[in-house]
Protein backbone atom coordinates (compact mmCIF):
# COMPACT_ATOMS: atom_id res chain seq x y z
CA MET A 1 90.74 -39.86 -48.41
CA LYS A 2 88.36 -38.14 -50.81
CA ASN A 3 84.94 -39.58 -51.45
CA ASP A 4 84.30 -41.35 -54.74
CA VAL A 5 81.66 -39.74 -56.94
CA HIS A 6 78.94 -41.64 -58.80
CA VAL A 7 76.59 -40.03 -61.32
CA ILE A 8 72.95 -40.83 -62.05
CA ILE A 9 71.66 -39.31 -65.30
CA THR A 10 67.90 -39.24 -65.75
CA ALA A 11 66.99 -39.84 -69.39
CA GLY A 12 63.59 -41.44 -69.05
CA GLY A 13 61.40 -38.42 -69.79
CA SER A 14 59.00 -38.61 -72.71
CA GLY A 15 59.38 -34.89 -73.43
CA THR A 16 55.66 -34.14 -73.40
CA ARG A 17 56.15 -30.38 -73.03
CA PHE A 18 58.83 -30.35 -75.70
CA SER A 19 56.77 -32.37 -78.20
CA LYS A 20 53.93 -29.87 -77.84
CA SER A 21 56.29 -27.06 -78.81
CA SER A 22 58.02 -28.84 -81.68
CA LYS A 23 56.38 -30.85 -84.45
CA ALA A 24 59.80 -32.28 -85.31
CA ALA A 25 60.27 -34.05 -81.96
CA ALA A 26 60.02 -37.67 -83.09
CA LYS A 27 61.96 -38.89 -80.05
CA PRO A 28 62.60 -37.62 -76.51
CA LYS A 29 64.55 -34.36 -76.27
CA GLN A 30 67.54 -36.00 -74.57
CA PHE A 31 68.24 -37.94 -77.78
CA LEU A 32 67.77 -35.06 -80.22
CA ASN A 33 70.76 -33.65 -82.07
CA LEU A 34 72.52 -30.62 -80.57
CA LEU A 35 75.63 -29.41 -82.39
CA GLU A 36 76.15 -32.80 -84.05
CA LYS A 37 75.78 -34.75 -80.79
CA PRO A 38 72.77 -36.22 -78.99
CA VAL A 39 71.75 -33.94 -76.11
CA ILE A 40 72.61 -36.56 -73.47
CA LEU A 41 76.09 -37.11 -74.90
CA HIS A 42 77.19 -33.58 -73.99
CA SER A 43 76.72 -34.42 -70.29
CA LEU A 44 78.18 -37.92 -70.60
CA LEU A 45 81.40 -36.58 -72.08
CA LYS A 46 81.83 -34.10 -69.25
CA PHE A 47 81.27 -36.66 -66.49
CA GLN A 48 83.60 -39.07 -68.29
CA LYS A 49 86.26 -36.35 -68.32
CA CYS A 50 85.78 -35.41 -64.65
CA LYS A 51 88.53 -37.21 -62.74
CA GLU A 52 86.52 -37.38 -59.49
CA VAL A 53 83.70 -39.37 -61.13
CA LYS A 54 84.10 -43.11 -60.73
CA SER A 55 80.91 -44.45 -62.32
CA ILE A 56 77.86 -43.38 -64.32
CA TYR A 57 74.35 -44.85 -64.26
CA ILE A 58 71.61 -43.87 -66.71
CA SER A 59 67.90 -44.35 -66.11
CA ALA A 60 66.06 -44.56 -69.43
CA SER A 61 63.33 -46.35 -71.32
CA LYS A 62 64.40 -49.84 -72.40
CA GLU A 63 63.73 -49.00 -76.04
CA TYR A 64 66.75 -46.67 -75.94
CA PHE A 65 69.19 -49.08 -74.27
CA ASN A 66 70.77 -50.20 -77.56
CA LEU A 67 71.19 -46.60 -78.67
CA LEU A 68 72.84 -45.68 -75.37
CA HIS A 69 75.15 -48.71 -75.41
CA THR A 70 76.26 -47.85 -78.95
CA MET A 71 76.72 -44.18 -78.06
CA ALA A 72 78.81 -45.04 -75.00
CA ALA A 73 81.03 -47.48 -76.90
CA LYS A 74 81.56 -45.12 -79.83
CA ASN A 75 82.50 -42.20 -77.57
CA LYS A 76 84.55 -44.22 -75.05
CA ILE A 77 82.27 -43.57 -72.07
CA THR A 78 84.12 -46.18 -70.02
CA LYS A 79 82.63 -45.04 -66.69
CA LEU A 80 79.13 -46.16 -67.70
CA LYS A 81 78.30 -49.01 -65.30
CA ALA A 82 74.62 -49.68 -65.94
CA LEU A 83 71.50 -48.71 -67.82
CA VAL A 84 68.45 -48.90 -65.58
CA GLU A 85 64.85 -48.95 -66.69
CA GLY A 86 63.11 -45.75 -65.69
CA GLY A 87 59.89 -45.57 -63.72
CA LYS A 88 56.61 -43.78 -64.32
CA THR A 89 57.98 -40.59 -62.76
CA ARG A 90 61.35 -38.88 -62.45
CA PHE A 91 61.40 -39.77 -58.75
CA GLU A 92 60.95 -43.48 -59.51
CA SER A 93 63.55 -43.37 -62.28
CA VAL A 94 66.20 -41.88 -60.00
CA ARG A 95 65.34 -44.32 -57.21
CA ASN A 96 65.60 -47.28 -59.60
CA ALA A 97 69.07 -46.17 -60.67
CA PHE A 98 70.13 -45.36 -57.10
CA ASN A 99 69.27 -48.92 -56.06
CA GLN A 100 71.86 -50.19 -58.56
CA VAL A 101 74.72 -48.01 -57.31
CA ASN A 102 77.45 -49.97 -55.57
CA CYS A 103 79.53 -47.69 -53.37
CA ALA A 104 80.61 -46.71 -49.86
CA VAL A 105 78.10 -45.03 -47.54
CA ASP A 106 79.99 -41.73 -47.57
CA ASP A 107 80.48 -41.62 -51.33
CA ILE A 108 78.83 -38.79 -53.25
CA ILE A 109 75.92 -39.27 -55.63
CA LEU A 110 75.40 -36.65 -58.34
CA ILE A 111 71.96 -36.60 -59.96
CA HIS A 112 71.71 -34.84 -63.31
CA ASP A 113 68.99 -34.27 -65.90
CA ALA A 114 70.01 -35.40 -69.38
CA ALA A 115 68.09 -32.40 -70.72
CA ARG A 116 70.73 -30.02 -69.25
CA PRO A 117 73.59 -30.43 -71.76
CA ASN A 118 75.38 -27.17 -70.96
CA VAL A 119 76.48 -27.80 -67.39
CA THR A 120 80.13 -26.79 -67.21
CA MET A 121 83.14 -28.72 -65.96
CA GLU A 122 83.75 -25.83 -63.56
CA ASP A 123 80.28 -26.14 -62.03
CA ILE A 124 80.61 -29.92 -61.73
CA GLY A 125 83.97 -29.49 -60.00
CA SER A 126 82.80 -26.79 -57.61
CA LEU A 127 79.69 -28.81 -56.72
CA ILE A 128 81.80 -31.87 -55.89
CA LYS A 129 84.15 -29.79 -53.71
CA ALA A 130 81.19 -28.24 -51.88
CA SER A 131 79.64 -31.67 -51.34
CA GLN A 132 82.90 -33.06 -49.98
CA LYS A 133 82.84 -30.23 -47.44
CA TYR A 134 79.15 -29.87 -46.62
CA GLY A 135 77.38 -33.01 -47.86
CA GLU A 136 74.11 -32.15 -49.57
CA VAL A 137 74.51 -29.35 -52.14
CA ILE A 138 72.57 -28.36 -55.26
CA LEU A 139 73.31 -26.01 -58.13
CA GLY A 140 71.04 -23.04 -58.70
CA VAL A 141 70.84 -19.38 -59.63
CA ARG A 142 69.32 -16.53 -57.68
CA VAL A 143 66.01 -15.15 -58.91
CA SER A 144 66.58 -11.78 -60.57
CA ASP A 145 63.10 -11.10 -61.94
CA THR A 146 60.22 -9.71 -59.91
CA VAL A 147 58.02 -12.58 -58.70
CA LYS A 148 54.24 -12.38 -58.40
CA ARG A 149 51.79 -14.77 -56.77
CA THR A 150 48.49 -14.91 -58.64
CA SER A 151 45.01 -16.37 -58.46
CA GLY A 152 44.17 -17.13 -62.06
CA SER A 153 45.48 -14.05 -63.86
CA ILE A 154 44.95 -11.70 -60.92
CA ILE A 155 48.05 -10.63 -58.97
CA LYS A 156 47.60 -11.26 -55.25
CA GLU A 157 51.09 -10.64 -53.92
CA THR A 158 54.61 -9.58 -54.86
CA VAL A 159 56.98 -12.18 -53.42
CA ASP A 160 60.30 -11.21 -51.83
CA ARG A 161 62.87 -12.64 -54.24
CA ASN A 162 65.94 -12.14 -52.03
CA ASP A 163 65.92 -15.71 -50.72
CA LEU A 164 64.57 -17.39 -53.87
CA TRP A 165 66.61 -19.65 -56.13
CA LEU A 166 65.95 -21.39 -59.44
CA VAL A 167 67.17 -24.93 -58.90
CA GLN A 168 69.31 -26.81 -61.43
CA THR A 169 71.20 -30.08 -61.69
CA PRO A 170 73.53 -31.73 -60.89
CA GLN A 171 72.49 -32.15 -57.26
CA ALA A 172 74.91 -33.80 -54.82
CA PHE A 173 74.16 -36.05 -51.83
CA ARG A 174 76.04 -38.48 -49.65
CA TYR A 175 74.94 -42.02 -50.41
CA ASP A 176 73.78 -42.78 -46.88
CA VAL A 177 71.74 -39.56 -46.67
CA LEU A 178 69.90 -40.33 -49.89
CA SER A 179 69.38 -43.94 -48.80
CA ARG A 180 67.84 -42.91 -45.48
CA SER A 181 65.75 -40.25 -47.20
CA TYR A 182 64.10 -42.87 -49.41
CA ILE A 183 63.36 -44.98 -46.33
CA ILE A 184 61.86 -42.04 -44.43
CA ALA A 185 59.74 -41.02 -47.44
CA GLY A 186 58.20 -44.49 -47.61
CA SER A 187 55.34 -44.52 -50.12
CA LYS A 188 55.43 -40.74 -50.59
CA THR A 189 56.68 -40.04 -54.10
CA ASP A 190 55.51 -36.52 -55.01
CA PHE A 191 58.99 -34.98 -54.96
CA THR A 192 60.10 -32.85 -57.91
CA ASP A 193 63.79 -33.34 -57.13
CA GLU A 194 66.04 -35.14 -54.66
CA ALA A 195 66.69 -31.95 -52.69
CA SER A 196 63.01 -31.84 -51.72
CA LEU A 197 63.25 -35.52 -50.75
CA ALA A 198 66.24 -34.84 -48.46
CA GLU A 199 64.50 -31.77 -47.01
CA PHE A 200 61.43 -33.89 -46.24
CA ALA A 201 63.66 -36.39 -44.45
CA GLY A 202 65.04 -33.61 -42.25
CA TYR A 203 68.43 -33.01 -43.87
CA GLU A 204 69.97 -29.61 -44.51
CA VAL A 205 70.61 -28.92 -48.19
CA ARG A 206 72.83 -26.06 -49.32
CA THR A 207 72.81 -24.10 -52.59
CA ALA A 208 75.82 -23.39 -54.78
CA GLU A 209 75.81 -20.70 -57.46
CA GLY A 210 75.51 -22.19 -60.93
CA SER A 211 75.32 -20.69 -64.42
CA ARG A 212 72.25 -19.15 -66.03
CA TYR A 213 73.29 -20.95 -69.19
CA ASN A 214 72.74 -24.37 -67.58
CA ILE A 215 69.38 -24.45 -69.33
CA LYS A 216 66.98 -27.37 -69.17
CA ILE A 217 65.48 -28.16 -72.56
CA THR A 218 61.70 -28.05 -72.22
CA SER A 219 60.83 -26.35 -75.52
CA ASN A 220 62.18 -25.89 -79.01
CA ASP A 221 63.14 -22.34 -78.03
CA ASP A 222 65.47 -23.77 -75.37
CA LEU A 223 67.12 -26.01 -77.95
CA LEU A 224 67.61 -23.10 -80.35
CA ALA A 225 69.04 -20.93 -77.56
CA LEU A 226 71.53 -23.63 -76.56
CA LYS A 227 72.69 -24.03 -80.14
CA LYS A 228 73.73 -20.37 -80.08
CA ILE A 229 75.18 -20.44 -76.55
CA MET A 230 77.23 -23.62 -77.03
CA LYS A 231 78.76 -22.80 -80.43
């Protein structure tokens, strides 16, 4: 029997970096318009369409709950099970949503940033298949540029890029692995993603090749680029 898949979408970010780059950002980037749809809706529609996905949970600020409920109803996002209030950090927001997930211990949890609207159905499907086989798997792309380590603006070292990856979302974990990872981490919360949490807890996490067009919106330039890519 295949594992059920449950998705956590993080939509609680305030978009500080984005607001600094765009005077027009009156609300968080995940709710801005991208090709006549809110940024977050692009991901919601794909997870709704994915037959392996059983349920969707969104962590967000309470002030956007009504907007999200309306968006889900209008676009028939029937897999949405709960909106969960986000925490002060991304780590806390994901953990809050994870605590609301009701599933079997060997089910798969996908964690995805709402600010990545261009993840493909193909990448979602291949990630789920890899997770069903290996357990903990994350999307990413290999580093192709030359990488330098600096002190201030002074180059100190050229880093070997052969084993370096740029990490993306979704990231996939078995429910019980993520649950135990939170327990092992205890009060430690300085994790930038759930892969680093699982690594800290002693679990092996694999990489799966994603798309370079699975861009995270952190600036107005990213939004403009995605408008061209996704047309």
